Protein backbone atom coordinates (compact mmCIF):
# COMPACT_ATOMS: atom_id res chain seq x y z
CA MET A 1 -9.77 65.27 -62.00
CA LYS A 2 -11.33 67.05 -64.94
CA LEU A 3 -8.78 68.17 -67.49
CA VAL A 4 -9.70 70.33 -70.46
CA CYS A 5 -7.80 72.88 -72.47
CA SER A 6 -9.74 76.13 -72.19
CA SER A 7 -12.41 76.39 -74.86
CA LEU A 8 -10.18 74.61 -77.38
CA SER A 9 -8.95 71.07 -77.63
CA LEU A 10 -5.21 70.52 -77.87
CA ALA A 11 -5.72 69.49 -81.49
CA GLU A 12 -7.32 72.86 -82.19
CA GLN A 13 -4.46 74.59 -80.39
CA GLY A 14 -2.00 72.74 -82.60
CA GLY A 15 -1.30 69.77 -80.34
CA PRO A 16 1.13 69.55 -77.41
CA LEU A 17 4.52 71.20 -77.60
CA GLN A 18 7.63 69.02 -77.68
CA TRP A 19 10.25 69.98 -75.11
CA ASP A 20 13.67 70.80 -76.49
CA PRO A 21 16.52 70.22 -73.98
CA ALA A 22 18.18 73.33 -75.36
CA TRP A 23 15.29 75.46 -74.04
CA ARG A 24 15.12 77.00 -70.59
CA LEU A 25 11.92 76.94 -68.56
CA VAL A 26 10.87 80.30 -67.16
CA LEU A 27 8.30 80.28 -64.36
CA ALA A 28 6.38 83.56 -64.48
CA SER A 29 5.19 83.34 -60.88
CA ALA A 30 6.24 84.46 -57.43
CA SER A 31 4.64 81.38 -55.84
CA PRO A 32 7.19 79.40 -53.81
CA GLN A 33 4.86 76.39 -54.01
CA ARG A 34 4.97 76.29 -57.81
CA ALA A 35 8.74 76.63 -57.83
CA ALA A 36 9.03 73.84 -55.26
CA ILE A 37 6.71 71.53 -57.20
CA LEU A 38 8.92 71.87 -60.27
CA GLN A 39 12.10 71.45 -58.24
CA GLN A 40 10.80 68.31 -56.55
CA ALA A 41 9.86 66.95 -59.97
CA GLY A 42 13.45 67.41 -61.08
CA VAL A 43 12.66 70.26 -63.45
CA GLU A 44 14.98 73.26 -63.45
CA ALA A 45 13.23 76.60 -63.88
CA GLN A 46 14.24 80.22 -63.78
CA VAL A 47 11.78 82.08 -61.56
CA ARG A 48 10.76 85.41 -63.09
CA PRO A 49 7.78 86.86 -61.16
CA THR A 50 5.43 89.07 -63.12
CA ALA A 51 3.29 92.00 -62.09
CA VAL A 52 -0.11 91.68 -63.76
CA ALA A 53 -3.54 92.97 -62.83
CA GLU A 54 -5.30 89.69 -62.05
CA LEU A 55 -8.93 89.16 -62.98
CA ALA A 56 -11.00 88.56 -59.84
CA ASP A 57 -14.57 88.29 -61.12
CA GLY A 58 -16.25 86.00 -63.61
CA ALA A 59 -16.70 82.29 -64.16
CA PRO A 60 -14.03 80.61 -61.98
CA ALA A 61 -12.50 78.53 -64.77
CA ASP A 62 -12.33 81.57 -67.06
CA VAL A 63 -10.69 83.64 -64.33
CA ALA A 64 -8.01 80.99 -63.70
CA LEU A 65 -7.28 80.65 -67.40
CA VAL A 66 -7.20 84.39 -68.16
CA ASN A 67 -4.82 85.01 -65.26
CA ALA A 68 -2.52 82.14 -66.22
CA VAL A 69 -2.29 83.40 -69.80
CA ALA A 70 -1.70 86.98 -68.63
CA LYS A 71 1.18 85.85 -66.41
CA ALA A 72 2.76 83.80 -69.19
CA ARG A 73 2.50 86.67 -71.66
CA ALA A 74 3.90 89.16 -69.15
CA GLY A 75 6.75 86.79 -68.36
CA ARG A 76 7.59 86.41 -72.03
CA ALA A 77 7.36 90.17 -72.65
CA ALA A 78 9.85 90.80 -69.83
CA LEU A 79 12.53 88.64 -71.49
CA SER A 80 15.18 90.10 -73.71
CA ASP A 81 15.06 89.23 -77.40
CA GLY A 82 17.92 86.83 -76.90
CA GLU A 83 16.25 85.07 -73.98
CA ARG A 84 12.86 84.88 -75.66
CA GLY A 85 14.16 82.74 -78.50
CA GLY A 86 15.22 79.95 -76.17
CA SER A 87 12.63 80.11 -73.38
CA LEU A 88 9.43 78.24 -72.68
CA VAL A 89 7.41 80.48 -70.35
CA LEU A 90 5.00 79.00 -67.81
CA GLY A 91 2.16 80.91 -66.16
CA ALA A 92 -0.31 79.47 -63.66
CA ASP A 93 -3.20 80.62 -61.50
CA THR A 94 -5.25 78.96 -58.77
CA VAL A 95 -8.88 79.82 -58.04
CA VAL A 96 -10.94 78.43 -55.15
CA ALA A 97 -14.64 78.44 -56.00
CA LEU A 98 -17.62 77.68 -53.82
CA GLY A 99 -20.20 77.23 -56.52
CA GLN A 100 -19.67 80.30 -58.72
CA ARG A 101 -18.33 82.37 -55.82
CA ILE A 102 -14.59 82.92 -55.99
CA LEU A 103 -12.79 82.90 -52.64
CA GLY A 104 -9.60 84.83 -53.28
CA LYS A 105 -6.72 85.61 -50.96
CA PRO A 106 -8.20 86.97 -47.71
CA VAL A 107 -7.47 90.61 -47.04
CA ASP A 108 -7.49 90.09 -43.26
CA ARG A 109 -8.15 87.53 -40.54
CA ASP A 110 -11.87 88.27 -40.47
CA GLN A 111 -12.24 87.42 -44.13
CA ALA A 112 -10.09 84.31 -43.66
CA ALA A 113 -12.42 83.13 -40.91
CA GLN A 114 -15.43 83.92 -43.09
CA TYR A 115 -14.03 81.79 -45.91
CA LEU A 116 -13.34 78.84 -43.62
CA ARG A 117 -16.84 78.97 -42.18
CA ALA A 118 -18.26 79.01 -45.72
CA LEU A 119 -16.15 75.98 -46.71
CA SER A 120 -17.06 74.00 -43.57
CA ALA A 121 -19.00 70.78 -44.26
CA SER A 122 -19.23 71.54 -47.98
CA SER A 123 -17.53 70.80 -51.28
CA HIS A 124 -15.68 73.34 -53.37
CA ALA A 125 -13.58 73.33 -56.51
CA VAL A 126 -9.98 74.32 -56.97
CA LEU A 127 -9.44 75.49 -60.54
CA GLY A 128 -5.89 75.54 -61.84
CA GLY A 129 -5.12 77.48 -65.00
CA VAL A 130 -1.90 76.54 -66.78
CA ALA A 131 -0.45 78.38 -69.79
CA VAL A 132 2.80 77.87 -71.65
CA ILE A 133 4.32 79.91 -74.48
CA SER A 134 7.02 78.39 -76.65
CA PRO A 135 10.11 80.22 -77.92
CA ALA A 136 8.22 80.64 -81.21
CA GLY A 137 5.27 82.26 -79.40
CA GLU A 138 2.91 79.26 -79.52
CA LEU A 139 0.37 79.29 -76.68
CA ARG A 140 -1.02 76.15 -75.05
CA THR A 141 -3.48 76.21 -72.14
CA ALA A 142 -5.25 73.84 -69.77
CA ILE A 143 -7.70 74.00 -66.89
CA VAL A 144 -7.78 71.44 -64.09
CA SER A 145 -10.63 71.22 -61.59
CA THR A 146 -10.16 69.29 -58.35
CA ALA A 147 -13.06 68.76 -55.96
CA VAL A 148 -12.30 69.23 -52.26
CA ARG A 149 -14.69 68.56 -49.38
CA PHE A 150 -14.16 69.95 -45.89
CA ARG A 151 -15.37 68.30 -42.73
CA GLU A 152 -17.45 70.39 -40.39
CA LEU A 153 -15.21 72.95 -38.71
CA SER A 154 -15.78 74.08 -35.16
CA ALA A 155 -15.38 77.67 -34.04
CA GLU A 156 -12.18 76.55 -32.33
CA ASP A 157 -10.87 75.02 -35.56
CA VAL A 158 -11.41 78.27 -37.40
CA ALA A 159 -9.97 80.46 -34.65
CA ASN A 160 -6.85 78.34 -34.23
CA TYR A 161 -6.17 78.21 -37.94
CA VAL A 162 -6.63 81.94 -38.41
CA ASP A 163 -4.37 82.61 -35.43
CA GLY A 164 -1.68 80.46 -37.08
CA GLY A 165 -1.54 82.78 -40.09
CA GLU A 166 -1.43 80.15 -42.83
CA TRP A 167 -4.30 81.91 -44.59
CA ARG A 168 -2.11 84.83 -45.65
CA GLY A 169 -1.61 84.87 -49.41
CA ARG A 170 -3.63 81.67 -49.92
CA ALA A 171 -6.57 81.43 -52.28
CA GLY A 172 -9.57 80.30 -50.24
CA GLY A 173 -7.73 81.09 -47.01
CA TYR A 174 -6.09 77.69 -46.47
CA ALA A 175 -2.96 75.76 -47.44
CA ILE A 176 -3.54 72.05 -48.05
CA GLN A 177 0.21 71.36 -48.14
CA LEU A 178 0.47 72.68 -44.57
CA SER A 179 -1.94 72.10 -41.68
CA GLY A 180 -4.99 72.94 -43.82
CA ASP A 181 -5.05 69.29 -44.91
CA ARG A 182 -6.63 68.33 -41.59
CA PHE A 183 -9.84 70.03 -42.71
CA VAL A 184 -10.19 67.84 -45.80
CA SER A 185 -12.51 64.83 -45.64
CA GLU A 186 -12.45 64.02 -49.36
CA MET A 187 -10.45 65.20 -52.36
CA GLY A 188 -10.41 64.34 -56.04
CA PRO A 189 -7.23 63.42 -57.88
CA ASP A 190 -4.39 65.87 -58.46
CA GLU A 191 -3.36 67.23 -55.08
CA LEU A 192 -0.68 69.30 -56.80
CA ASN A 193 -3.37 71.28 -58.57
CA VAL A 194 -4.71 72.28 -55.15
CA VAL A 195 -1.21 73.24 -54.01
CA GLY A 196 -0.67 75.43 -57.07
CA LEU A 197 0.48 73.60 -60.20
CA SER A 198 -0.84 70.45 -61.87
CA LEU A 199 2.04 68.43 -63.26
CA ALA A 200 -0.50 66.35 -65.18
CA ALA A 201 -1.70 69.45 -66.99
CA LEU A 202 1.85 70.63 -67.66
CA ALA A 203 2.80 67.21 -69.03
CA SER A 204 -0.20 67.28 -71.37
CA LEU A 205 0.88 70.64 -72.77
CA VAL A 206 4.63 70.00 -73.10
CA GLN A 207 5.71 66.47 -73.90
CA GLY A 208 9.13 65.45 -72.63
CA LEU A 209 9.50 68.23 -70.07
CA LEU A 210 8.85 66.08 -67.00
CA PRO A 211 10.89 63.00 -66.09
CA ALA A 212 9.13 59.71 -66.86
CA GLY A 213 6.82 58.58 -64.05
CA ILE A 214 6.92 61.84 -62.10
CA VAL A 215 3.27 62.73 -62.79
CA ALA A 216 2.07 59.46 -61.30
CA SER A 217 3.86 60.15 -58.02
CA GLY A 218 2.54 63.73 -58.00
CA ARG A 219 2.74 64.58 -54.29
CA TYR A 220 4.17 67.74 -52.83
CA THR A 221 6.18 66.99 -49.69
CA ALA A 222 6.99 70.41 -48.20
């Protein structure tokens, strides 16, 4: 796993935030996977989906980071003044990149099949952008890159997977936490980043938020 904090180091960003038990965590995302990751880690979060125009083109890491920050800022902006003063807002984005080509959420089954054929017998990167904004408005960001290699997929593999519909709403057209894991021959550390939210990145940005030892276990079980 490669973990960096956008173009700045955490020291340049002001260092990690320190979680205050009096705060509430607001997840600015409609992703059920991200909500479940936090729940399974024992972290209570209020889910407040945001409607933002997501960046789709550009360097994959930049796209993931820009989208994560946009979601966090939109989530914070949607809070009332009273809520804002006691809320840590979390935004996240996941980008699947084959080289510099971003494979977004397929628009239809044909594009889903096209993505799977492109990923067959090759390595790609899953970039996870994570952004948090403190009650005082302090922004902290991180990017995680996890390498994933697919085995060679047959035409039957692709057809059966597309028929199953798991590709819908999934970056890259597959879900590793579901039956998409059978396509993976190798994967770098941080499976949760591939699912949708790196707890390691979150822990690096906000100290004391996650229960002790939870990052090491780091496996999504749904």
